[in-house]
């Protein structure tokens, strides 16, 4: 089963216009955010 947080991270990346802005908003490194979304 997929982690629903990964879907949330995807939505945040789209809403913020990229991994870097979403990572800043979430307090998460963009590399980690990218890896989590890549699992989808």
Protein backbone atom coordinates (compact mmCIF):
# COMPACT_ATOMS: atom_id res chain seq x y z
CA UNK A 1 0.00 0.00 0.00
CA UNK A 2 1.21 3.48 -0.82
CA UNK A 3 1.90 5.95 1.90
CA UNK A 4 -0.77 8.64 1.67
CA UNK A 5 1.79 11.19 2.82
CA UNK A 6 3.53 10.71 -0.53
CA UNK A 7 0.37 11.86 -2.30
CA UNK A 8 0.24 14.87 0.01
CA UNK A 9 3.86 15.69 -0.86
CA UNK A 10 3.01 15.46 -4.56
CA UNK A 11 0.12 17.89 -4.14
CA UNK A 12 2.36 20.27 -2.21
CA UNK A 13 5.00 20.15 -4.96
CA UNK A 14 2.37 21.00 -7.57
CA UNK A 15 0.80 23.75 -5.45
CA UNK A 16 4.17 25.35 -4.68
CA UNK A 17 5.47 25.02 -8.23
CA UNK A 18 8.39 22.67 -7.59
CA UNK A 19 10.33 20.53 -5.18
CA UNK A 20 12.46 23.32 -3.69
CA UNK A 21 9.57 25.61 -2.67
CA UNK A 22 7.53 22.66 -1.42
CA UNK A 23 10.50 21.37 0.54
CA UNK A 24 10.93 24.76 2.21
CA UNK A 25 7.23 24.90 3.08
CA UNK A 26 7.29 21.36 4.49
CA UNK A 27 10.65 21.69 6.23
CA UNK A 28 12.01 18.77 4.21
CA UNK A 29 15.07 18.54 1.93
CA UNK A 30 14.06 18.64 -1.73
CA UNK A 31 16.04 15.44 -2.38
CA UNK A 32 13.95 13.51 0.15
CA UNK A 33 10.76 15.02 -1.24
CA UNK A 34 11.76 14.03 -4.76
CA UNK A 35 12.53 10.44 -3.70
CA UNK A 36 9.19 10.09 -1.93
CA UNK A 37 7.29 11.35 -4.98
CA UNK A 38 9.32 9.12 -7.31
CA UNK A 39 7.97 6.09 -5.42
CA UNK A 40 4.47 6.93 -6.63
